Amino acid sequence: MENLLSVKNSFQEELTNILAYWEKYTVDTEEGGFYGRLTEDDQVVAGAVKGSVLNARILWSFSAAYHLAGISRYRELAERSLRYIKEYFIDPEFGGVYWSVIVRDNP
């Protein structure tokens, strides 16, 4: 039973670390949503395309984490992702989802 509790605690710690990383480095405070790409040293790639799949995964991850842990910040980040998806990825005329969007000019 101790091993099971240890594994559970390890998974919870890893989940917390992963979500903290996404919150710290990927929230796009200028253009909304989340950055489309980072370098290997966590620098934002200006003008990177933002994809619907990435945003949907972020939405799912923070939603699931909120339901698991009840941490309101996770809900806020899930709602941020949902708003961005609705605003930029849903085709208002024909329905469906765009694969990607470019919010800024690519350098």
PDB file of N, CA and C in Angstrom:
ATOM      1  N   MET A   1       0.817  -1.202   0.000  1.00  0.00           N
ATOM      2  CA  MET A   1       0.000   0.000   0.000  1.00  0.00           C
ATOM      3  C   MET A   1       0.858   1.262   0.000  1.00  0.00           C
ATOM      4  N   GLU A   2       2.003   1.219   0.695  1.00  0.00           N
ATOM      5  CA  GLU A   2       2.896   2.375   0.700  1.00  0.00           C
ATOM      6  C   GLU A   2       3.410   2.677  -0.695  1.00  0.00           C
ATOM      7  N   ASN A   3       3.714   1.620  -1.473  1.00  0.00           N
ATOM      8  CA  ASN A   3       4.187   1.826  -2.836  1.00  0.00           C
ATOM      9  C   ASN A   3       3.122   2.512  -3.691  1.00  0.00           C
ATOM     10  N   LEU A   4       1.884   2.104  -3.519  1.00  0.00           N
ATOM     11  CA  LEU A   4       0.789   2.703  -4.273  1.00  0.00           C
ATOM     12  C   LEU A   4       0.624   4.177  -3.912  1.00  0.00           C
ATOM     13  N   LEU A   5       0.704   4.487  -2.644  1.00  0.00           N
ATOM     14  CA  LEU A   5       0.599   5.879  -2.199  1.00  0.00           C
ATOM     15  C   LEU A   5       1.777   6.695  -2.726  1.00  0.00           C
ATOM     16  N   SER A   6       2.939   6.114  -2.748  1.00  0.00           N
ATOM     17  CA  SER A   6       4.125   6.784  -3.275  1.00  0.00           C
ATOM     18  C   SER A   6       3.976   7.089  -4.763  1.00  0.00           C
ATOM     19  N   VAL A   7       3.457   6.133  -5.516  1.00  0.00           N
ATOM     20  CA  VAL A   7       3.232   6.333  -6.945  1.00  0.00           C
ATOM     21  C   VAL A   7       2.184   7.426  -7.157  1.00  0.00           C
ATOM     22  N   LYS A   8       1.109   7.383  -6.383  1.00  0.00           N
ATOM     23  CA  LYS A   8       0.063   8.397  -6.493  1.00  0.00           C
ATOM     24  C   LYS A   8       0.634   9.787  -6.229  1.00  0.00           C
ATOM     25  N   ASN A   9       1.412   9.930  -5.174  1.00  0.00           N
ATOM     26  CA  ASN A   9       2.013  11.218  -4.839  1.00  0.00           C
ATOM     27  C   ASN A   9       2.976  11.678  -5.926  1.00  0.00           C
ATOM     28  N   SER A  10       3.710  10.745  -6.481  1.00  0.00           N
ATOM     29  CA  SER A  10       4.638  11.068  -7.560  1.00  0.00           C
ATOM     30  C   SER A  10       3.895  11.573  -8.794  1.00  0.00           C
ATOM     31  N   PHE A  11       2.805  10.901  -9.145  1.00  0.00           N
ATOM     32  CA  PHE A  11       1.989  11.334 -10.290  1.00  0.00           C
ATOM     33  C   PHE A  11       1.381  12.711 -10.046  1.00  0.00           C
ATOM     34  N   GLN A  12       0.885  12.938  -8.841  1.00  0.00           N
ATOM     35  CA  GLN A  12       0.290  14.236  -8.528  1.00  0.00           C
ATOM     36  C   GLN A  12       1.329  15.350  -8.608  1.00  0.00           C
ATOM     37  N   GLU A  13       2.519  15.073  -8.112  1.00  0.00           N
ATOM     38  CA  GLU A  13       3.596  16.067  -8.179  1.00  0.00           C
ATOM     39  C   GLU A  13       3.984  16.357  -9.630  1.00  0.00           C
ATOM     40  N   GLU A  14       4.080  15.309 -10.437  1.00  0.00           N
ATOM     41  CA  GLU A  14       4.422  15.488 -11.849  1.00  0.00           C
ATOM     42  C   GLU A  14       3.338  16.288 -12.569  1.00  0.00           C
ATOM     43  N   LEU A  15       2.078  15.988 -12.322  1.00  0.00           N
ATOM     44  CA  LEU A  15       0.980  16.733 -12.927  1.00  0.00           C
ATOM     45  C   LEU A  15       1.049  18.204 -12.531  1.00  0.00           C
ATOM     46  N   THR A  16       1.269  18.476 -11.276  1.00  0.00           N
ATOM     47  CA  THR A  16       1.389  19.855 -10.793  1.00  0.00           C
ATOM     48  C   THR A  16       2.527  20.574 -11.498  1.00  0.00           C
ATOM     49  N   ASN A  17       3.664  19.903 -11.657  1.00  0.00           N
ATOM     50  CA  ASN A  17       4.817  20.507 -12.331  1.00  0.00           C
ATOM     51  C   ASN A  17       4.537  20.794 -13.806  1.00  0.00           C
ATOM     52  N   ILE A  18       3.893  19.860 -14.469  1.00  0.00           N
ATOM     53  CA  ILE A  18       3.572  20.045 -15.893  1.00  0.00           C
ATOM     54  C   ILE A  18       2.620  21.219 -16.076  1.00  0.00           C
ATOM     55  N   LEU A  19       1.573  21.270 -15.282  1.00  0.00           N
ATOM     56  CA  LEU A  19       0.605  22.356 -15.407  1.00  0.00           C
ATOM     57  C   LEU A  19       1.232  23.697 -15.038  1.00  0.00           C
ATOM     58  N   ALA A  20       2.106  23.708 -14.042  1.00  0.00           N
ATOM     59  CA  ALA A  20       2.803  24.947 -13.660  1.00  0.00           C
ATOM     60  C   ALA A  20       3.685  25.434 -14.809  1.00  0.00           C
ATOM     61  N   TYR A  21       4.320  24.503 -15.514  1.00  0.00           N
ATOM     62  CA  TYR A  21       5.145  24.874 -16.670  1.00  0.00           C
ATOM     63  C   TYR A  21       4.281  25.544 -17.740  1.00  0.00           C
ATOM     64  N   TRP A  22       3.167  24.912 -18.078  1.00  0.00           N
ATOM     65  CA  TRP A  22       2.281  25.460 -19.115  1.00  0.00           C
ATOM     66  C   TRP A  22       1.747  26.822 -18.701  1.00  0.00           C
ATOM     67  N   GLU A  23       1.424  26.975 -17.428  1.00  0.00           N
ATOM     68  CA  GLU A  23       0.922  28.261 -16.957  1.00  0.00           C
ATOM     69  C   GLU A  23       2.014  29.333 -16.996  1.00  0.00           C
ATOM     70  N   LYS A  24       3.217  28.977 -16.627  1.00  0.00           N
ATOM     71  CA  LYS A  24       4.317  29.946 -16.553  1.00  0.00           C
ATOM     72  C   LYS A  24       4.803  30.387 -17.929  1.00  0.00           C
ATOM     73  N   TYR A  25       4.948  29.449 -18.870  1.00  0.00           N
ATOM     74  CA  TYR A  25       5.631  29.755 -20.118  1.00  0.00           C
ATOM     75  C   TYR A  25       4.734  29.924 -21.342  1.00  0.00           C
ATOM     76  N   THR A  26       3.510  29.442 -21.315  1.00  0.00           N
ATOM     77  CA  THR A  26       2.754  29.400 -22.570  1.00  0.00           C
ATOM     78  C   THR A  26       1.548  30.333 -22.650  1.00  0.00           C
ATOM     79  N   VAL A  27       1.181  30.987 -21.576  1.00  0.00           N
ATOM     80  CA  VAL A  27       0.040  31.898 -21.615  1.00  0.00           C
ATOM     81  C   VAL A  27       0.443  33.153 -22.395  1.00  0.00           C
ATOM     82  N   ASP A  28      -0.252  33.422 -23.482  1.00  0.00           N
ATOM     83  CA  ASP A  28       0.038  34.576 -24.328  1.00  0.00           C
ATOM     84  C   ASP A  28      -0.788  35.755 -23.824  1.00  0.00           C
ATOM     85  N   THR A  29      -0.153  36.632 -23.080  1.00  0.00           N
ATOM     86  CA  THR A  29      -0.857  37.766 -22.486  1.00  0.00           C
ATOM     87  C   THR A  29      -1.083  38.899 -23.483  1.00  0.00           C
ATOM     88  N   GLU A  30      -0.396  38.866 -24.628  1.00  0.00           N
ATOM     89  CA  GLU A  30      -0.555  39.928 -25.625  1.00  0.00           C
ATOM     90  C   GLU A  30      -1.650  39.614 -26.645  1.00  0.00           C
ATOM     91  N   GLU A  31      -1.648  38.409 -27.177  1.00  0.00           N
ATOM     92  CA  GLU A  31      -2.575  38.051 -28.261  1.00  0.00           C
ATOM     93  C   GLU A  31      -3.704  37.125 -27.801  1.00  0.00           C
ATOM     94  N   GLY A  32      -3.657  36.682 -26.562  1.00  0.00           N
ATOM     95  CA  GLY A  32      -4.676  35.779 -26.052  1.00  0.00           C
ATOM     96  C   GLY A  32      -4.313  34.322 -26.261  1.00  0.00           C
ATOM     97  N   GLY A  33      -5.008  33.472 -25.593  1.00  0.00           N
ATOM     98  CA  GLY A  33      -4.762  32.038 -25.722  1.00  0.00           C
ATOM     99  C   GLY A  33      -3.401  31.642 -25.187  1.00  0.00           C
ATOM    100  N   PHE A  34      -2.744  30.758 -25.926  1.00  0.00           N
ATOM    101  CA  PHE A  34      -1.458  30.211 -25.519  1.00  0.00           C
ATOM    102  C   PHE A  34      -0.498  30.284 -26.699  1.00  0.00           C
ATOM    103  N   TYR A  35       0.778  30.473 -26.404  1.00  0.00           N
ATOM    104  CA  TYR A  35       1.770  30.559 -27.475  1.00  0.00           C
ATOM    105  C   TYR A  35       1.790  29.274 -28.289  1.00  0.00           C
ATOM    106  N   GLY A  36       2.054  29.428 -29.563  1.00  0.00           N
ATOM    107  CA  GLY A  36       2.066  28.288 -30.469  1.00  0.00           C
ATOM    108  C   GLY A  36       3.359  27.506 -30.453  1.00  0.00           C
ATOM    109  N   ARG A  37       4.451  28.147 -29.985  1.00  0.00           N
ATOM    110  CA  ARG A  37       5.733  27.453 -30.022  1.00  0.00           C
ATOM    111  C   ARG A  37       6.721  28.128 -29.075  1.00  0.00           C
ATOM    112  N   LEU A  38       7.518  27.308 -28.417  1.00  0.00           N
ATOM    113  CA  LEU A  38       8.618  27.769 -27.576  1.00  0.00           C
ATOM    114  C   LEU A  38       9.901  27.127 -28.069  1.00  0.00           C
ATOM    115  N   THR A  39      11.027  27.771 -27.775  1.00  0.00           N
ATOM    116  CA  THR A  39      12.317  27.161 -28.076  1.00  0.00           C
ATOM    117  C   THR A  39      12.655  26.164 -26.973  1.00  0.00           C
ATOM    118  N   GLU A  40      13.745  25.433 -27.172  1.00  0.00           N
ATOM    119  CA  GLU A  40      14.130  24.440 -26.156  1.00  0.00           C
ATOM    120  C   GLU A  40      14.541  25.079 -24.830  1.00  0.00           C
ATOM    121  N   ASP A  41      14.822  26.395 -24.846  1.00  0.00           N
ATOM    122  CA  ASP A  41      15.120  27.084 -23.593  1.00  0.00           C
ATOM    123  C   ASP A  41      13.960  27.988 -23.156  1.00  0.00           C
ATOM    124  N   ASP A  42      12.764  27.600 -23.561  1.00  0.00           N
ATOM    125  CA  ASP A  42      11.507  28.202 -23.104  1.00  0.00           C
ATOM    126  C   ASP A  42      11.291  29.650 -23.540  1.00  0.00           C
ATOM    127  N   GLN A  43      11.858  30.036 -24.660  1.00  0.00           N
ATOM    128  CA  GLN A  43      11.626  31.363 -25.217  1.00  0.00           C
ATOM    129  C   GLN A  43      10.493  31.272 -26.248  1.00  0.00           C
ATOM    130  N   VAL A  44       9.652  32.278 -26.268  1.00  0.00           N
ATOM    131  CA  VAL A  44       8.527  32.316 -27.197  1.00  0.00           C
ATOM    132  C   VAL A  44       9.054  32.538 -28.613  1.00  0.00           C
ATOM    133  N   VAL A  45       8.529  31.776 -29.552  1.00  0.00           N
ATOM    134  CA  VAL A  45       8.825  31.991 -30.968  1.00  0.00           C
ATOM    135  C   VAL A  45       7.774  32.969 -31.490  1.00  0.00           C
ATOM    136  N   ALA A  46       8.204  34.200 -31.718  1.00  0.00           N
ATOM    137  CA  ALA A  46       7.280  35.250 -32.151  1.00  0.00           C
ATOM    138  C   ALA A  46       6.623  34.867 -33.475  1.00  0.00           C
ATOM    139  N   GLY A  47       5.339  35.092 -33.552  1.00  0.00           N
ATOM    140  CA  GLY A  47       4.605  34.843 -34.783  1.00  0.00           C
ATOM    141  C   GLY A  47       4.323  33.395 -35.090  1.00  0.00           C
ATOM    142  N   ALA A  48       4.606  32.511 -34.170  1.00  0.00           N
ATOM    143  CA  ALA A  48       4.356  31.087 -34.414  1.00  0.00           C
ATOM    144  C   ALA A  48       2.863  30.829 -34.584  1.00  0.00           C
ATOM    145  N   VAL A  49       2.544  29.923 -35.470  1.00  0.00           N
ATOM    146  CA  VAL A  49       1.160  29.528 -35.706  1.00  0.00           C
ATOM    147  C   VAL A  49       0.589  28.907 -34.433  1.00  0.00           C
ATOM    148  N   LYS A  50      -0.662  29.204 -34.172  1.00  0.00           N
ATOM    149  CA  LYS A  50      -1.366  28.587 -33.044  1.00  0.00           C
ATOM    150  C   LYS A  50      -2.318  27.544 -33.612  1.00  0.00           C
ATOM    151  N   GLY A  51      -2.272  26.336 -33.066  1.00  0.00           N
ATOM    152  CA  GLY A  51      -3.070  25.245 -33.605  1.00  0.00           C
ATOM    153  C   GLY A  51      -4.250  24.868 -32.736  1.00  0.00           C
ATOM    154  N   SER A  52      -5.303  24.408 -33.396  1.00  0.00           N
ATOM    155  CA  SER A  52      -6.508  24.006 -32.676  1.00  0.00           C
ATOM    156  C   SER A  52      -6.271  22.759 -31.826  1.00  0.00           C
ATOM    157  N   VAL A  53      -5.423  21.845 -32.302  1.00  0.00           N
ATOM    158  CA  VAL A  53      -5.167  20.621 -31.542  1.00  0.00           C
ATOM    159  C   VAL A  53      -4.474  20.958 -30.228  1.00  0.00           C
ATOM    160  N   LEU A  54      -3.448  21.802 -30.282  1.00  0.00           N
ATOM    161  CA  LEU A  54      -2.754  22.196 -29.056  1.00  0.00           C
ATOM    162  C   LEU A  54      -3.718  22.875 -28.089  1.00  0.00           C
ATOM    163  N   ASN A  55      -4.518  23.796 -28.590  1.00  0.00           N
ATOM    164  CA  ASN A  55      -5.453  24.500 -27.715  1.00  0.00           C
ATOM    165  C   ASN A  55      -6.510  23.568 -27.137  1.00  0.00           C
ATOM    166  N   ALA A  56      -6.956  22.604 -27.912  1.00  0.00           N
ATOM    167  CA  ALA A  56      -7.921  21.625 -27.399  1.00  0.00           C
ATOM    168  C   ALA A  56      -7.284  20.754 -26.314  1.00  0.00           C
ATOM    169  N   ARG A  57      -6.020  20.399 -26.500  1.00  0.00           N
ATOM    170  CA  ARG A  57      -5.324  19.609 -25.474  1.00  0.00           C
ATOM    171  C   ARG A  57      -5.127  20.407 -24.201  1.00  0.00           C
ATOM    172  N   ILE A  58      -4.816  21.696 -24.347  1.00  0.00           N
ATOM    173  CA  ILE A  58      -4.683  22.558 -23.172  1.00  0.00           C
ATOM    174  C   ILE A  58      -6.026  22.662 -22.454  1.00  0.00           C
ATOM    175  N   LEU A  59      -7.083  22.838 -23.216  1.00  0.00           N
ATOM    176  CA  LEU A  59      -8.433  22.900 -22.638  1.00  0.00           C
ATOM    177  C   LEU A  59      -8.739  21.626 -21.862  1.00  0.00           C
ATOM    178  N   TRP A  60      -8.501  20.485 -22.490  1.00  0.00           N
ATOM    179  CA  TRP A  60      -8.786  19.215 -21.831  1.00  0.00           C
ATOM    180  C   TRP A  60      -7.939  19.049 -20.568  1.00  0.00           C
ATOM    181  N   SER A  61      -6.651  19.348 -20.666  1.00  0.00           N
ATOM    182  CA  SER A  61      -5.736  19.140 -19.530  1.00  0.00           C
ATOM    183  C   SER A  61      -6.124  19.975 -18.323  1.00  0.00           C
ATOM    184  N   PHE A  62      -6.353  21.269 -18.543  1.00  0.00           N
ATOM    185  CA  PHE A  62      -6.704  22.117 -17.403  1.00  0.00           C
ATOM    186  C   PHE A  62      -8.113  21.829 -16.891  1.00  0.00           C
ATOM    187  N   SER A  63      -9.017  21.432 -17.775  1.00  0.00           N
ATOM    188  CA  SER A  63     -10.363  21.041 -17.326  1.00  0.00           C
ATOM    189  C   SER A  63     -10.299  19.807 -16.442  1.00  0.00           C
ATOM    190  N   ALA A  64      -9.569  18.801 -16.901  1.00  0.00           N
ATOM    191  CA  ALA A  64      -9.430  17.560 -16.129  1.00  0.00           C
ATOM    192  C   ALA A  64      -8.739  17.831 -14.799  1.00  0.00           C
ATOM    193  N   ALA A  65      -7.699  18.670 -14.828  1.00  0.00           N
ATOM    194  CA  ALA A  65      -6.980  18.995 -13.590  1.00  0.00           C
ATOM    195  C   ALA A  65      -7.889  19.732 -12.612  1.00  0.00           C
ATOM    196  N   TYR A  66      -8.716  20.625 -13.135  1.00  0.00           N
ATOM    197  CA  TYR A  66      -9.656  21.326 -12.261  1.00  0.00           C
ATOM    198  C   TYR A  66     -10.635  20.346 -11.611  1.00  0.00           C
ATOM    199  N   HIS A  67     -11.165  19.425 -12.396  1.00  0.00           N
ATOM    200  CA  HIS A  67     -12.112  18.451 -11.846  1.00  0.00           C
ATOM    201  C   HIS A  67     -11.436  17.513 -10.852  1.00  0.00           C
ATOM    202  N   LEU A  68     -10.164  17.253 -11.053  1.00  0.00           N
ATOM    203  CA  LEU A  68      -9.416  16.388 -10.146  1.00  0.00           C
ATOM    204  C   LEU A  68      -9.044  17.102  -8.854  1.00  0.00           C
ATOM    205  N   ALA A  69      -8.520  18.333  -8.992  1.00  0.00           N
ATOM    206  CA  ALA A  69      -7.953  19.024  -7.841  1.00  0.00           C
ATOM    207  C   ALA A  69      -8.810  20.164  -7.305  1.00  0.00           C
ATOM    208  N   GLY A  70      -9.744  20.678  -8.130  1.00  0.00           N
ATOM    209  CA  GLY A  70     -10.592  21.775  -7.688  1.00  0.00           C
ATOM    210  C   GLY A  70      -9.869  23.108  -7.550  1.00  0.00           C
ATOM    211  N   ILE A  71      -8.740  23.263  -8.203  1.00  0.00           N
ATOM    212  CA  ILE A  71      -7.965  24.500  -8.121  1.00  0.00           C
ATOM    213  C   ILE A  71      -8.530  25.494  -9.141  1.00  0.00           C
ATOM    214  N   SER A  72      -8.987  26.630  -8.650  1.00  0.00           N
ATOM    215  CA  SER A  72      -9.700  27.578  -9.512  1.00  0.00           C
ATOM    216  C   SER A  72      -8.836  28.105 -10.658  1.00  0.00           C
ATOM    217  N   ARG A  73      -7.547  28.221 -10.462  1.00  0.00           N
ATOM    218  CA  ARG A  73      -6.661  28.707 -11.534  1.00  0.00           C
ATOM    219  C   ARG A  73      -6.698  27.749 -12.727  1.00  0.00           C
ATOM    220  N   TYR A  74      -6.816  26.464 -12.482  1.00  0.00           N
ATOM    221  CA  TYR A  74      -6.923  25.500 -13.581  1.00  0.00           C
ATOM    222  C   TYR A  74      -8.198  25.746 -14.385  1.00  0.00           C
ATOM    223  N   ARG A  75      -9.272  26.046 -13.690  1.00  0.00           N
ATOM    224  CA  ARG A  75     -10.528  26.345 -14.382  1.00  0.00           C
ATOM    225  C   ARG A  75     -10.386  27.613 -15.227  1.00  0.00           C
ATOM    226  N   GLU A  76      -9.751  28.636 -14.668  1.00  0.00           N
ATOM    227  CA  GLU A  76      -9.539  29.882 -15.403  1.00  0.00           C
ATOM    228  C   GLU A  76      -8.745  29.645 -16.685  1.00  0.00           C
ATOM    229  N   LEU A  77      -7.721  28.814 -16.614  1.00  0.00           N
ATOM    230  CA  LEU A  77      -6.905  28.534 -17.800  1.00  0.00           C
ATOM    231  C   LEU A  77      -7.682  27.699 -18.817  1.00  0.00           C
ATOM    232  N   ALA A  78      -8.517  26.785 -18.339  1.00  0.00           N
ATOM    233  CA  ALA A  78      -9.369  26.017 -19.253  1.00  0.00           C
ATOM    234  C   ALA A  78     -10.355  26.954 -19.951  1.00  0.00           C
ATOM    235  N   GLU A  79     -10.944  27.861 -19.208  1.00  0.00           N
ATOM    236  CA  GLU A  79     -11.884  28.820 -19.800  1.00  0.00           C
ATOM    237  C   GLU A  79     -11.182  29.744 -20.790  1.00  0.00           C
ATOM    238  N   ARG A  80      -9.949  30.124 -20.492  1.00  0.00           N
ATOM    239  CA  ARG A  80      -9.157  30.951 -21.415  1.00  0.00           C
ATOM    240  C   ARG A  80      -8.988  30.218 -22.744  1.00  0.00           C
ATOM    241  N   SER A  81      -8.651  28.948 -22.658  1.00  0.00           N
ATOM    242  CA  SER A  81      -8.476  28.142 -23.862  1.00  0.00           C
ATOM    243  C   SER A  81      -9.786  27.996 -24.626  1.00  0.00           C
ATOM    244  N   LEU A  82     -10.863  27.761 -23.931  1.00  0.00           N
ATOM    245  CA  LEU A  82     -12.175  27.622 -24.577  1.00  0.00           C
ATOM    246  C   LEU A  82     -12.563  28.906 -25.309  1.00  0.00           C
ATOM    247  N   ARG A  83     -12.373  30.040 -24.656  1.00  0.00           N
ATOM    248  CA  ARG A  83     -12.686  31.325 -25.301  1.00  0.00           C
ATOM    249  C   ARG A  83     -11.857  31.507 -26.576  1.00  0.00           C
ATOM    250  N   TYR A  84     -10.594  31.170 -26.498  1.00  0.00           N
ATOM    251  CA  TYR A  84      -9.720  31.335 -27.660  1.00  0.00           C
ATOM    252  C   TYR A  84     -10.154  30.410 -28.795  1.00  0.00           C
ATOM    253  N   ILE A  85     -10.481  29.182 -28.454  1.00  0.00           N
ATOM    254  CA  ILE A  85     -10.953  28.228 -29.470  1.00  0.00           C
ATOM    255  C   ILE A  85     -12.217  28.760 -30.140  1.00  0.00           C
ATOM    256  N   LYS A  86     -13.164  29.218 -29.345  1.00  0.00           N
ATOM    257  CA  LYS A  86     -14.414  29.734 -29.906  1.00  0.00           C
ATOM    258  C   LYS A  86     -14.179  30.954 -30.786  1.00  0.00           C
ATOM    259  N   GLU A  87     -13.270  31.825 -30.369  1.00  0.00           N
ATOM    260  CA  GLU A  87     -13.041  33.062 -31.110  1.00  0.00           C
ATOM    261  C   GLU A  87     -12.239  32.854 -32.393  1.00  0.00           C
ATOM    262  N   TYR A  88     -11.240  31.990 -32.369  1.00  0.00           N
ATOM    263  CA  TYR A  88     -10.311  31.893 -33.496  1.00  0.00           C
ATOM    264  C   TYR A  88     -10.384  30.603 -34.312  1.00  0.00           C
ATOM    265  N   PHE A  89     -10.881  29.530 -33.744  1.00  0.00           N
ATOM    266  CA  PHE A  89     -10.813  28.245 -34.443  1.00  0.00           C
ATOM    267  C   PHE A  89     -12.151  27.736 -34.975  1.00  0.00           C
ATOM    268  N   ILE A  90     -13.235  28.245 -34.490  1.00  0.00           N
ATOM    269  CA  ILE A  90     -14.552  27.792 -34.952  1.00  0.00           C
ATOM    270  C   ILE A  90     -14.979  28.655 -36.134  1.00  0.00           C
ATOM    271  N   ASP A  91     -15.333  28.023 -37.223  1.00  0.00           N
ATOM    272  CA  ASP A  91     -15.791  28.735 -38.412  1.00  0.00           C
ATOM    273  C   ASP A  91     -17.238  29.171 -38.190  1.00  0.00           C
ATOM    274  N   PRO A  92     -17.473  30.482 -38.039  1.00  0.00           N
ATOM    275  CA  PRO A  92     -18.829  30.951 -37.731  1.00  0.00           C
ATOM    276  C   PRO A  92     -19.803  30.816 -38.903  1.00  0.00           C
ATOM    277  N   GLU A  93     -19.277  30.727 -40.101  1.00  0.00           N
ATOM    278  CA  GLU A  93     -20.157  30.657 -41.268  1.00  0.00           C
ATOM    279  C   GLU A  93     -20.560  29.233 -41.615  1.00  0.00           C
ATOM    280  N   PHE A  94     -19.600  28.321 -41.645  1.00  0.00           N
ATOM    281  CA  PHE A  94     -19.875  26.953 -42.099  1.00  0.00           C
ATOM    282  C   PHE A  94     -19.766  25.898 -41.002  1.00  0.00           C
ATOM    283  N   GLY A  95     -19.365  26.300 -39.805  1.00  0.00           N
ATOM    284  CA  GLY A  95     -19.133  25.332 -38.745  1.00  0.00           C
ATOM    285  C   GLY A  95     -17.765  24.703 -38.930  1.00  0.00           C
ATOM    286  N   GLY A  96     -17.462  23.748 -38.139  1.00  0.00           N
ATOM    287  CA  GLY A  96     -16.163  23.103 -38.239  1.00  0.00           C
ATOM    288  C   GLY A  96     -15.088  23.884 -37.503  1.00  0.00           C
ATOM    289  N   VAL A  97     -13.890  23.348 -37.593  1.00  0.00           N
ATOM    290  CA  VAL A  97     -12.772  23.905 -36.838  1.00  0.00           C
ATOM    291  C   VAL A  97     -11.604  24.148 -37.784  1.00  0.00           C
ATOM    292  N   TYR A  98     -10.999  25.328 -37.670  1.00  0.00           N
ATOM    293  CA  TYR A  98      -9.781  25.616 -38.416  1.00  0.00           C
ATOM    294  C   TYR A  98      -8.630  24.855 -37.774  1.00  0.00           C
ATOM    295  N   TRP A  99      -7.691  24.390 -38.586  1.00  0.00           N
ATOM    296  CA  TRP A  99      -6.530  23.648 -38.084  1.00  0.00           C
ATOM    297  C   TRP A  99      -5.596  24.571 -37.324  1.00  0.00           C
ATOM    298  N   SER A 100      -5.345  25.757 -37.896  1.00  0.00           N
ATOM    299  CA  SER A 100      -4.414  26.692 -37.245  1.00  0.00           C
ATOM    300  C   SER A 100      -4.759  28.121 -37.633  1.00  0.00           C
ATOM    301  N   VAL A 101      -4.218  29.047 -36.848  1.00  0.00           N
ATOM    302  CA  VAL A 101      -4.379  30.470 -37.124  1.00  0.00           C
ATOM    303  C   VAL A 101      -3.052  31.167 -36.886  1.00  0.00           C
ATOM    304  N   ILE A 102      -2.836  32.229 -37.628  1.00  0.00           N
ATOM    305  CA  ILE A 102      -1.680  33.084 -37.391  1.00  0.00           C
ATOM    306  C   ILE A 102      -2.244  34.378 -36.828  1.00  0.00           C
ATOM    307  N   VAL A 103      -1.872  34.687 -35.614  1.00  0.00           N
ATOM    308  CA  VAL A 103      -2.414  35.869 -34.964  1.00  0.00           C
ATOM    309  C   VAL A 103      -1.551  37.083 -35.274  1.00  0.00           C
ATOM    310  N   ARG A 104      -0.250  36.888 -35.340  1.00  0.00           N
ATOM    311  CA  ARG A 104       0.675  37.980 -35.655  1.00  0.00           C
ATOM    312  C   ARG A 104       1.368  37.665 -36.963  1.00  0.00           C
ATOM    313  N   ASP A 105       1.988  38.668 -37.550  1.00  0.00           N
ATOM    314  CA  ASP A 105       2.787  38.427 -38.754  1.00  0.00           C
ATOM    315  C   ASP A 105       4.006  37.598 -38.393  1.00  0.00           C
ATOM    316  N   ASN A 106       4.289  36.598 -39.202  1.00  0.00           N
ATOM    317  CA  ASN A 106       5.508  35.814 -39.034  1.00  0.00           C
ATOM    318  C   ASN A 106       6.699  36.652 -39.449  1.00  0.00           C
ATOM    319  N   PRO A 107       7.752  36.675 -38.628  1.00  0.00           N
ATOM    320  CA  PRO A 107       8.937  37.462 -39.002  1.00  0.00           C
ATOM    321  C   PRO A 107       9.669  36.818 -40.167  1.00  0.00           C
TER     322      PRO A 107
END
